[in-house]
């Protein structure tokens, strides 16, 4: 462990030069085994940053990239104890999602995965947020879990991949986004902003402005019988709408949608308590 930490520290401090193949294999095994470490410095600063450097800057072979993707898509990683509420397992799931999205980004540009394997990874990536129910952003003494933010990063990357249309539709992805918003866990850690690339990717894959507007209007009308759950769900939806408004204003796109959001949530705000 100490040797791997030393190498990861060198990577983080930009003092990384070269590892022998055997050293690199040993390091990858350590990074995968400790991907959900409860120490945020090891998990986030060293291991995730290490994955970014090794994957994005061409230090790994295709077989090593495939190993990372296959391992992180496994039920012991991306779906690890996903039915156990509020456990440290969310750290493994969430940071596995980040590692997978790095590999998908690489494959999107270089296409080293077989079509069968890529489709499998995309499917698992899209399905992840269907089943995740631990929505915590920051965990005291353990750092960022951010499953919805990291899951959204992965979802956007899966939609952007050239093979997305082979395994899913834009409507299915909108249903997943809706599921994440319609929870009584009130988001406070910019999860809504991290969902914006998912919407961008869907629009690039053929989602029309009209269909997006229909979905937004339906989302705004969501009802829940329990007052507190209803209140918090509409908090999440409102934050999402306002993030989308600012996002589209900055891009100078989709004026019809920005006008609708302005009239519904800014000029004449609804669902205020």
C-alpha atoms as a PDB file:
ATOM      1  CA  UNK A   1       0.000   0.000   0.000  1.00  0.00           C
ATOM      2  CA  UNK A   2       2.741   2.476   0.909  1.00  0.00           C
ATOM      3  CA  UNK A   3       4.410   1.994  -2.468  1.00  0.00           C
ATOM      4  CA  UNK A   4       1.154   2.612  -4.324  1.00  0.00           C
ATOM      5  CA  UNK A   5       0.410   5.702  -2.239  1.00  0.00           C
ATOM      6  CA  UNK A   6       3.893   6.969  -3.066  1.00  0.00           C
ATOM      7  CA  UNK A   7       3.306   6.556  -6.805  1.00  0.00           C
ATOM      8  CA  UNK A   8      -0.140   8.185  -6.594  1.00  0.00           C
ATOM      9  CA  UNK A   9       1.313  11.106  -4.654  1.00  0.00           C
ATOM     10  CA  UNK A  10       3.922  11.566  -7.366  1.00  0.00           C
ATOM     11  CA  UNK A  11       1.156  11.586  -9.968  1.00  0.00           C
ATOM     12  CA  UNK A  12      -0.848  14.134  -7.978  1.00  0.00           C
ATOM     13  CA  UNK A  13       2.184  16.378  -7.516  1.00  0.00           C
ATOM     14  CA  UNK A  14       3.035  16.167 -11.229  1.00  0.00           C
ATOM     15  CA  UNK A  15       6.276  14.357 -10.459  1.00  0.00           C
ATOM     16  CA  UNK A  16       5.229  11.209 -12.287  1.00  0.00           C
ATOM     17  CA  UNK A  17       7.597  10.021 -15.002  1.00  0.00           C
ATOM     18  CA  UNK A  18       7.322   6.338 -15.802  1.00  0.00           C
ATOM     19  CA  UNK A  19       6.356   3.029 -14.229  1.00  0.00           C
ATOM     20  CA  UNK A  20       7.428  -0.403 -15.360  1.00  0.00           C
ATOM     21  CA  UNK A  21       4.523  -2.529 -16.678  1.00  0.00           C
ATOM     22  CA  UNK A  22       4.488  -4.708 -13.562  1.00  0.00           C
ATOM     23  CA  UNK A  23       4.517  -1.665 -11.291  1.00  0.00           C
ATOM     24  CA  UNK A  24       1.654  -0.140 -13.244  1.00  0.00           C
ATOM     25  CA  UNK A  25      -0.386  -3.346 -13.022  1.00  0.00           C
ATOM     26  CA  UNK A  26       0.165  -3.471  -9.269  1.00  0.00           C
ATOM     27  CA  UNK A  27      -0.846   0.169  -8.966  1.00  0.00           C
ATOM     28  CA  UNK A  28      -4.066  -0.396 -10.922  1.00  0.00           C
ATOM     29  CA  UNK A  29      -5.003  -3.340  -8.712  1.00  0.00           C
ATOM     30  CA  UNK A  30      -4.516  -1.136  -5.651  1.00  0.00           C
ATOM     31  CA  UNK A  31      -6.553   1.717  -7.158  1.00  0.00           C
ATOM     32  CA  UNK A  32      -9.433  -0.585  -8.008  1.00  0.00           C
ATOM     33  CA  UNK A  33      -9.387  -2.324  -4.643  1.00  0.00           C
ATOM     34  CA  UNK A  34      -9.380   1.011  -2.804  1.00  0.00           C
ATOM     35  CA  UNK A  35     -11.637   3.001  -5.146  1.00  0.00           C
ATOM     36  CA  UNK A  36     -14.199   3.536  -2.380  1.00  0.00           C
ATOM     37  CA  UNK A  37     -11.723   4.210   0.426  1.00  0.00           C
ATOM     38  CA  UNK A  38     -13.345   6.171   3.259  1.00  0.00           C
ATOM     39  CA  UNK A  39     -10.375   8.543   3.454  1.00  0.00           C
ATOM     40  CA  UNK A  40     -11.299  11.281   0.979  1.00  0.00           C
ATOM     41  CA  UNK A  41      -7.658  12.193   0.353  1.00  0.00           C
ATOM     42  CA  UNK A  42      -6.836   8.663  -0.763  1.00  0.00           C
ATOM     43  CA  UNK A  43     -10.114   8.150  -2.653  1.00  0.00           C
ATOM     44  CA  UNK A  44     -10.558  11.507  -4.351  1.00  0.00           C
ATOM     45  CA  UNK A  45      -7.253  13.358  -4.371  1.00  0.00           C
ATOM     46  CA  UNK A  46      -5.005  10.384  -5.080  1.00  0.00           C
ATOM     47  CA  UNK A  47      -6.971   7.532  -6.677  1.00  0.00           C
ATOM     48  CA  UNK A  48      -9.470   9.455  -8.799  1.00  0.00           C
ATOM     49  CA  UNK A  49      -6.819  11.980  -9.855  1.00  0.00           C
ATOM     50  CA  UNK A  50      -4.586   9.027 -10.662  1.00  0.00           C
ATOM     51  CA  UNK A  51      -7.230   7.533 -12.920  1.00  0.00           C
ATOM     52  CA  UNK A  52      -7.582  10.881 -14.696  1.00  0.00           C
ATOM     53  CA  UNK A  53      -3.858  11.117 -15.373  1.00  0.00           C
ATOM     54  CA  UNK A  54      -3.341   7.482 -16.365  1.00  0.00           C
ATOM     55  CA  UNK A  55      -6.430   7.188 -18.562  1.00  0.00           C
ATOM     56  CA  UNK A  56      -6.574  10.580 -20.236  1.00  0.00           C
ATOM     57  CA  UNK A  57      -2.849  11.016 -20.831  1.00  0.00           C
ATOM     58  CA  UNK A  58      -2.239   7.683 -22.517  1.00  0.00           C
ATOM     59  CA  UNK A  59      -0.302   5.815 -19.838  1.00  0.00           C
ATOM     60  CA  UNK A  60      -2.439   2.677 -20.117  1.00  0.00           C
ATOM     61  CA  UNK A  61      -2.817  -0.044 -22.705  1.00  0.00           C
ATOM     62  CA  UNK A  62      -6.183  -0.972 -24.188  1.00  0.00           C
ATOM     63  CA  UNK A  63      -6.231  -4.131 -22.069  1.00  0.00           C
ATOM     64  CA  UNK A  64      -5.676  -2.079 -18.911  1.00  0.00           C
ATOM     65  CA  UNK A  65      -8.477   0.321 -19.854  1.00  0.00           C
ATOM     66  CA  UNK A  66     -10.777  -2.626 -20.492  1.00  0.00           C
ATOM     67  CA  UNK A  67      -9.850  -4.074 -17.102  1.00  0.00           C
ATOM     68  CA  UNK A  68     -10.848  -0.816 -15.392  1.00  0.00           C
ATOM     69  CA  UNK A  69     -14.164  -0.627 -17.253  1.00  0.00           C
ATOM     70  CA  UNK A  70     -15.096  -4.271 -16.688  1.00  0.00           C
ATOM     71  CA  UNK A  71     -14.144  -4.179 -13.031  1.00  0.00           C
ATOM     72  CA  UNK A  72     -15.952  -0.930 -12.266  1.00  0.00           C
ATOM     73  CA  UNK A  73     -19.113  -2.110 -14.065  1.00  0.00           C
ATOM     74  CA  UNK A  74     -19.211  -5.222 -11.911  1.00  0.00           C
ATOM     75  CA  UNK A  75     -21.917  -5.620  -9.288  1.00  0.00           C
ATOM     76  CA  UNK A  76     -19.219  -5.413  -6.598  1.00  0.00           C
ATOM     77  CA  UNK A  77     -18.341  -1.917  -7.786  1.00  0.00           C
ATOM     78  CA  UNK A  78     -20.974   0.154  -9.608  1.00  0.00           C
ATOM     79  CA  UNK A  79     -23.806  -1.723  -7.871  1.00  0.00           C
ATOM     80  CA  UNK A  80     -22.015  -2.626  -4.631  1.00  0.00           C
ATOM     81  CA  UNK A  81     -24.594  -3.016  -1.822  1.00  0.00           C
ATOM     82  CA  UNK A  82     -26.877  -0.686  -3.736  1.00  0.00           C
ATOM     83  CA  UNK A  83     -29.898  -1.810  -1.720  1.00  0.00           C
ATOM     84  CA  UNK A  84     -28.225  -1.029   1.615  1.00  0.00           C
ATOM     85  CA  UNK A  85     -29.326   2.478   2.651  1.00  0.00           C
ATOM     86  CA  UNK A  86     -26.855   5.138   3.779  1.00  0.00           C
ATOM     87  CA  UNK A  87     -23.723   2.978   3.872  1.00  0.00           C
ATOM     88  CA  UNK A  88     -20.105   3.581   2.895  1.00  0.00           C
ATOM     89  CA  UNK A  89     -20.729   1.379  -0.147  1.00  0.00           C
ATOM     90  CA  UNK A  90     -21.975   4.505  -1.937  1.00  0.00           C
ATOM     91  CA  UNK A  91     -18.349   5.652  -2.144  1.00  0.00           C
ATOM     92  CA  UNK A  92     -17.403   2.569  -4.153  1.00  0.00           C
ATOM     93  CA  UNK A  93     -20.388   2.981  -6.458  1.00  0.00           C
ATOM     94  CA  UNK A  94     -19.945   6.697  -6.994  1.00  0.00           C
ATOM     95  CA  UNK A  95     -16.228   6.624  -7.725  1.00  0.00           C
ATOM     96  CA  UNK A  96     -16.616   3.566  -9.930  1.00  0.00           C
ATOM     97  CA  UNK A  97     -19.013   5.711 -11.967  1.00  0.00           C
ATOM     98  CA  UNK A  98     -16.302   8.360 -12.380  1.00  0.00           C
ATOM     99  CA  UNK A  99     -13.726   5.806 -13.514  1.00  0.00           C
ATOM    100  CA  UNK A 100     -16.121   4.298 -16.063  1.00  0.00           C
ATOM    101  CA  UNK A 101     -16.947   7.682 -17.548  1.00  0.00           C
ATOM    102  CA  UNK A 102     -13.240   8.330 -18.113  1.00  0.00           C
ATOM    103  CA  UNK A 103     -12.947   5.077 -20.072  1.00  0.00           C
ATOM    104  CA  UNK A 104     -16.094   5.851 -22.071  1.00  0.00           C
ATOM    105  CA  UNK A 105     -14.709   9.287 -22.909  1.00  0.00           C
ATOM    106  CA  UNK A 106     -11.516   7.656 -24.128  1.00  0.00           C
ATOM    107  CA  UNK A 107     -13.439   5.110 -26.192  1.00  0.00           C
ATOM    108  CA  UNK A 108     -15.695   7.785 -27.658  1.00  0.00           C
ATOM    109  CA  UNK A 109     -12.627   9.307 -29.268  1.00  0.00           C
ATOM    110  CA  UNK A 110     -10.472   6.248 -29.948  1.00  0.00           C
ATOM    111  CA  UNK A 111     -12.917   3.279 -30.124  1.00  0.00           C
ATOM    112  CA  UNK A 112     -10.828   0.524 -28.558  1.00  0.00           C
ATOM    113  CA  UNK A 113     -13.781  -1.288 -26.940  1.00  0.00           C
ATOM    114  CA  UNK A 114     -15.622  -3.913 -28.946  1.00  0.00           C
ATOM    115  CA  UNK A 115     -19.159  -2.863 -29.830  1.00  0.00           C
ATOM    116  CA  UNK A 116     -20.550  -5.615 -27.601  1.00  0.00           C
ATOM    117  CA  UNK A 117     -18.497  -4.534 -24.590  1.00  0.00           C
ATOM    118  CA  UNK A 118     -19.171  -0.834 -25.182  1.00  0.00           C
ATOM    119  CA  UNK A 119     -22.924  -1.494 -25.377  1.00  0.00           C
ATOM    120  CA  UNK A 120     -22.745  -3.491 -22.128  1.00  0.00           C
ATOM    121  CA  UNK A 121     -20.886  -0.673 -20.347  1.00  0.00           C
ATOM    122  CA  UNK A 122     -23.305   1.957 -21.670  1.00  0.00           C
ATOM    123  CA  UNK A 123     -26.283  -0.093 -20.487  1.00  0.00           C
ATOM    124  CA  UNK A 124     -24.816  -0.543 -16.999  1.00  0.00           C
ATOM    125  CA  UNK A 125     -23.936   3.162 -16.911  1.00  0.00           C
ATOM    126  CA  UNK A 126     -27.460   4.254 -17.813  1.00  0.00           C
ATOM    127  CA  UNK A 127     -29.042   1.819 -15.365  1.00  0.00           C
ATOM    128  CA  UNK A 128     -26.924   2.915 -12.403  1.00  0.00           C
ATOM    129  CA  UNK A 129     -29.046   5.909 -11.399  1.00  0.00           C
ATOM    130  CA  UNK A 130     -32.207   3.829 -11.803  1.00  0.00           C
ATOM    131  CA  UNK A 131     -31.195   1.890  -8.709  1.00  0.00           C
ATOM    132  CA  UNK A 132     -29.158   4.359  -6.655  1.00  0.00           C
ATOM    133  CA  UNK A 133     -31.026   5.623  -3.592  1.00  0.00           C
ATOM    134  CA  UNK A 134     -28.233   7.114  -1.502  1.00  0.00           C
ATOM    135  CA  UNK A 135     -28.389  10.729  -2.603  1.00  0.00           C
ATOM    136  CA  UNK A 136     -25.989  12.220  -0.076  1.00  0.00           C
ATOM    137  CA  UNK A 137     -23.582  14.806  -1.428  1.00  0.00           C
ATOM    138  CA  UNK A 138     -21.002  15.359   1.296  1.00  0.00           C
ATOM    139  CA  UNK A 139     -20.513  12.899   4.167  1.00  0.00           C
ATOM    140  CA  UNK A 140     -18.941  14.235   7.336  1.00  0.00           C
ATOM    141  CA  UNK A 141     -15.427  12.881   7.918  1.00  0.00           C
ATOM    142  CA  UNK A 142     -15.523  10.967   4.619  1.00  0.00           C
ATOM    143  CA  UNK A 143     -15.851  13.671   1.978  1.00  0.00           C
ATOM    144  CA  UNK A 144     -17.791  13.676  -1.241  1.00  0.00           C
ATOM    145  CA  UNK A 145     -20.045  10.764  -2.091  1.00  0.00           C
ATOM    146  CA  UNK A 146     -22.032  12.745  -4.676  1.00  0.00           C
ATOM    147  CA  UNK A 147     -23.665   9.712  -6.268  1.00  0.00           C
ATOM    148  CA  UNK A 148     -26.146  11.796  -8.281  1.00  0.00           C
ATOM    149  CA  UNK A 149     -23.457  14.193  -9.502  1.00  0.00           C
ATOM    150  CA  UNK A 150     -21.045  11.405 -10.433  1.00  0.00           C
ATOM    151  CA  UNK A 151     -23.876   9.290 -11.819  1.00  0.00           C
ATOM    152  CA  UNK A 152     -24.931  12.249 -13.964  1.00  0.00           C
ATOM    153  CA  UNK A 153     -21.369  12.600 -15.260  1.00  0.00           C
ATOM    154  CA  UNK A 154     -21.501   8.942 -16.239  1.00  0.00           C
ATOM    155  CA  UNK A 155     -25.000   9.206 -17.707  1.00  0.00           C
ATOM    156  CA  UNK A 156     -24.012  12.170 -19.880  1.00  0.00           C
ATOM    157  CA  UNK A 157     -20.962  10.299 -21.120  1.00  0.00           C
ATOM    158  CA  UNK A 158     -23.025   7.201 -21.925  1.00  0.00           C
ATOM    159  CA  UNK A 159     -25.548   9.277 -23.910  1.00  0.00           C
ATOM    160  CA  UNK A 160     -22.715  11.006 -25.787  1.00  0.00           C
ATOM    161  CA  UNK A 161     -21.163   7.716 -26.889  1.00  0.00           C
ATOM    162  CA  UNK A 162     -21.690   6.775 -30.553  1.00  0.00           C
ATOM    163  CA  UNK A 163     -23.404   3.509 -29.543  1.00  0.00           C
ATOM    164  CA  UNK A 164     -25.950   5.077 -27.196  1.00  0.00           C
ATOM    165  CA  UNK A 165     -28.831   4.747 -29.654  1.00  0.00           C
ATOM    166  CA  UNK A 166     -28.177   0.998 -29.866  1.00  0.00           C
ATOM    167  CA  UNK A 167     -29.088   0.432 -26.219  1.00  0.00           C
ATOM    168  CA  UNK A 168     -31.413   3.210 -24.998  1.00  0.00           C
ATOM    169  CA  UNK A 169     -33.645   6.123 -25.965  1.00  0.00           C
ATOM    170  CA  UNK A 170     -33.738   9.748 -24.910  1.00  0.00           C
ATOM    171  CA  UNK A 171     -37.103   9.116 -23.231  1.00  0.00           C
ATOM    172  CA  UNK A 172     -35.573   6.435 -20.998  1.00  0.00           C
ATOM    173  CA  UNK A 173     -32.849   8.808 -19.866  1.00  0.00           C
ATOM    174  CA  UNK A 174     -35.349  11.566 -19.087  1.00  0.00           C
ATOM    175  CA  UNK A 175     -37.203   9.072 -16.899  1.00  0.00           C
ATOM    176  CA  UNK A 176     -33.980   8.453 -14.961  1.00  0.00           C
ATOM    177  CA  UNK A 177     -33.385  12.190 -14.490  1.00  0.00           C
ATOM    178  CA  UNK A 178     -36.972  12.560 -13.279  1.00  0.00           C
ATOM    179  CA  UNK A 179     -36.467   9.731 -10.782  1.00  0.00           C
ATOM    180  CA  UNK A 180     -33.403  11.468  -9.377  1.00  0.00           C
ATOM    181  CA  UNK A 181     -35.253  14.765  -9.005  1.00  0.00           C
ATOM    182  CA  UNK A 182     -38.439  13.348  -7.506  1.00  0.00           C
ATOM    183  CA  UNK A 183     -36.885  12.315  -4.214  1.00  0.00           C
ATOM    184  CA  UNK A 184     -37.472  13.868  -0.831  1.00  0.00           C
ATOM    185  CA  UNK A 185     -33.731  14.182  -0.289  1.00  0.00           C
ATOM    186  CA  UNK A 186     -33.235  17.907  -0.843  1.00  0.00           C
ATOM    187  CA  UNK A 187     -30.178  18.560  -3.000  1.00  0.00           C
ATOM    188  CA  UNK A 188     -27.815  21.228  -1.688  1.00  0.00           C
ATOM    189  CA  UNK A 189     -24.518  20.321  -3.385  1.00  0.00           C
ATOM    190  CA  UNK A 190     -25.082  21.488  -6.966  1.00  0.00           C
ATOM    191  CA  UNK A 191     -26.451  18.164  -8.162  1.00  0.00           C
ATOM    192  CA  UNK A 192     -28.836  20.086 -10.422  1.00  0.00           C
ATOM    193  CA  UNK A 193     -25.913  21.744 -12.207  1.00  0.00           C
ATOM    194  CA  UNK A 194     -24.228  18.390 -12.782  1.00  0.00           C
ATOM    195  CA  UNK A 195     -27.347  17.218 -14.635  1.00  0.00           C
ATOM    196  CA  UNK A 196     -26.985  19.875 -17.333  1.00  0.00           C
ATOM    197  CA  UNK A 197     -24.562  17.849 -19.498  1.00  0.00           C
ATOM    198  CA  UNK A 198     -27.138  15.038 -19.566  1.00  0.00           C
ATOM    199  CA  UNK A 199     -29.694  17.401 -21.110  1.00  0.00           C
ATOM    200  CA  UNK A 200     -27.089  18.715 -23.572  1.00  0.00           C
ATOM    201  CA  UNK A 201     -26.193  15.170 -24.607  1.00  0.00           C
ATOM    202  CA  UNK A 202     -29.846  14.232 -25.102  1.00  0.00           C
ATOM    203  CA  UNK A 203     -30.433  17.271 -27.291  1.00  0.00           C
ATOM    204  CA  UNK A 204     -27.373  16.369 -29.345  1.00  0.00           C
ATOM    205  CA  UNK A 205     -28.797  12.855 -29.767  1.00  0.00           C
ATOM    206  CA  UNK A 206     -32.057  14.102 -31.233  1.00  0.00           C
ATOM    207  CA  UNK A 207     -34.284  15.126 -28.327  1.00  0.00           C
ATOM    208  CA  UNK A 208     -36.371  17.966 -29.731  1.00  0.00           C
ATOM    209  CA  UNK A 209     -36.946  21.258 -27.943  1.00  0.00           C
ATOM    210  CA  UNK A 210     -40.679  20.563 -28.098  1.00  0.00           C
ATOM    211  CA  UNK A 211     -40.339  17.157 -26.412  1.00  0.00           C
ATOM    212  CA  UNK A 212     -38.024  18.591 -23.782  1.00  0.00           C
ATOM    213  CA  UNK A 213     -40.543  21.340 -23.072  1.00  0.00           C
ATOM    214  CA  UNK A 214     -43.353  18.791 -22.721  1.00  0.00           C
ATOM    215  CA  UNK A 215     -41.230  16.813 -20.245  1.00  0.00           C
ATOM    216  CA  UNK A 216     -40.383  19.954 -18.246  1.00  0.00           C
ATOM    217  CA  UNK A 217     -44.040  20.962 -18.023  1.00  0.00           C
ATOM    218  CA  UNK A 218     -45.002  17.477 -16.829  1.00  0.00           C
ATOM    219  CA  UNK A 219     -42.162  17.526 -14.304  1.00  0.00           C
ATOM    220  CA  UNK A 220     -43.317  20.878 -12.918  1.00  0.00           C
ATOM    221  CA  UNK A 221     -46.748  19.380 -12.213  1.00  0.00           C
ATOM    222  CA  UNK A 222     -45.440  16.493 -10.090  1.00  0.00           C
ATOM    223  CA  UNK A 223     -47.596  15.871  -7.020  1.00  0.00           C
ATOM    224  CA  UNK A 224     -47.008  13.952  -3.796  1.00  0.00           C
ATOM    225  CA  UNK A 225     -49.597  13.356  -1.097  1.00  0.00           C
ATOM    226  CA  UNK A 226     -47.186  13.904   1.800  1.00  0.00           C
ATOM    227  CA  UNK A 227     -46.565  17.616   2.361  1.00  0.00           C
ATOM    228  CA  UNK A 228     -42.876  17.468   3.308  1.00  0.00           C
ATOM    229  CA  UNK A 229     -41.990  15.097   0.476  1.00  0.00           C
ATOM    230  CA  UNK A 230     -43.939  17.277  -1.968  1.00  0.00           C
ATOM    231  CA  UNK A 231     -42.120  20.391  -0.717  1.00  0.00           C
ATOM    232  CA  UNK A 232     -38.646  18.891  -1.035  1.00  0.00           C
ATOM    233  CA  UNK A 233     -39.308  17.333  -4.424  1.00  0.00           C
ATOM    234  CA  UNK A 234     -40.404  20.709  -5.758  1.00  0.00           C
ATOM    235  CA  UNK A 235     -37.299  22.257  -4.234  1.00  0.00           C
ATOM    236  CA  UNK A 236     -35.222  19.845  -6.337  1.00  0.00           C
ATOM    237  CA  UNK A 237     -37.310  20.452  -9.449  1.00  0.00           C
ATOM    238  CA  UNK A 238     -37.148  24.232  -9.038  1.00  0.00           C
ATOM    239  CA  UNK A 239     -33.357  24.181  -8.605  1.00  0.00           C
ATOM    240  CA  UNK A 240     -33.087  22.013 -11.727  1.00  0.00           C
ATOM    241  CA  UNK A 241     -35.313  24.392 -13.705  1.00  0.00           C
ATOM    242  CA  UNK A 242     -33.338  27.458 -12.634  1.00  0.00           C
ATOM    243  CA  UNK A 243     -30.052  25.750 -13.478  1.00  0.00           C
ATOM    244  CA  UNK A 244     -31.424  24.830 -16.896  1.00  0.00           C
ATOM    245  CA  UNK A 245     -32.615  28.411 -17.392  1.00  0.00           C
ATOM    246  CA  UNK A 246     -29.162  29.836 -16.645  1.00  0.00           C
ATOM    247  CA  UNK A 247     -27.507  27.118 -18.715  1.00  0.00           C
ATOM    248  CA  UNK A 248     -29.574  27.844 -21.823  1.00  0.00           C
ATOM    249  CA  UNK A 249     -29.309  31.618 -21.362  1.00  0.00           C
ATOM    250  CA  UNK A 250     -25.507  31.336 -21.338  1.00  0.00           C
ATOM    251  CA  UNK A 251     -25.629  29.160 -24.444  1.00  0.00           C
ATOM    252  CA  UNK A 252     -28.159  31.529 -26.075  1.00  0.00           C
ATOM    253  CA  UNK A 253     -30.299  28.578 -27.054  1.00  0.00           C
ATOM    254  CA  UNK A 254     -33.859  27.285 -26.645  1.00  0.00           C
ATOM    255  CA  UNK A 255     -35.563  30.627 -26.082  1.00  0.00           C
ATOM    256  CA  UNK A 256     -38.979  28.980 -25.891  1.00  0.00           C
ATOM    257  CA  UNK A 257     -37.885  26.891 -22.914  1.00  0.00           C
ATOM    258  CA  UNK A 258     -36.136  29.766 -21.158  1.00  0.00           C
ATOM    259  CA  UNK A 259     -39.248  31.911 -21.570  1.00  0.00           C
ATOM    260  CA  UNK A 260     -41.412  29.145 -20.093  1.00  0.00           C
ATOM    261  CA  UNK A 261     -39.053  28.665 -17.113  1.00  0.00           C
ATOM    262  CA  UNK A 262     -38.929  32.430 -16.545  1.00  0.00           C
ATOM    263  CA  UNK A 263     -42.719  32.750 -16.568  1.00  0.00           C
ATOM    264  CA  UNK A 264     -43.230  29.657 -14.392  1.00  0.00           C
ATOM    265  CA  UNK A 265     -40.438  29.875 -11.831  1.00  0.00           C
ATOM    266  CA  UNK A 266     -39.146  33.462 -11.840  1.00  0.00           C
ATOM    267  CA  UNK A 267     -41.785  35.970 -12.907  1.00  0.00           C
ATOM    268  CA  UNK A 268     -44.734  34.086 -11.396  1.00  0.00           C
ATOM    269  CA  UNK A 269     -43.161  31.461  -9.118  1.00  0.00           C
ATOM    270  CA  UNK A 270     -45.307  28.479  -8.279  1.00  0.00           C
ATOM    271  CA  UNK A 271     -45.258  25.860  -5.563  1.00  0.00           C
ATOM    272  CA  UNK A 272     -43.870  28.310  -2.996  1.00  0.00           C
ATOM    273  CA  UNK A 273     -44.652  27.573   0.653  1.00  0.00           C
END
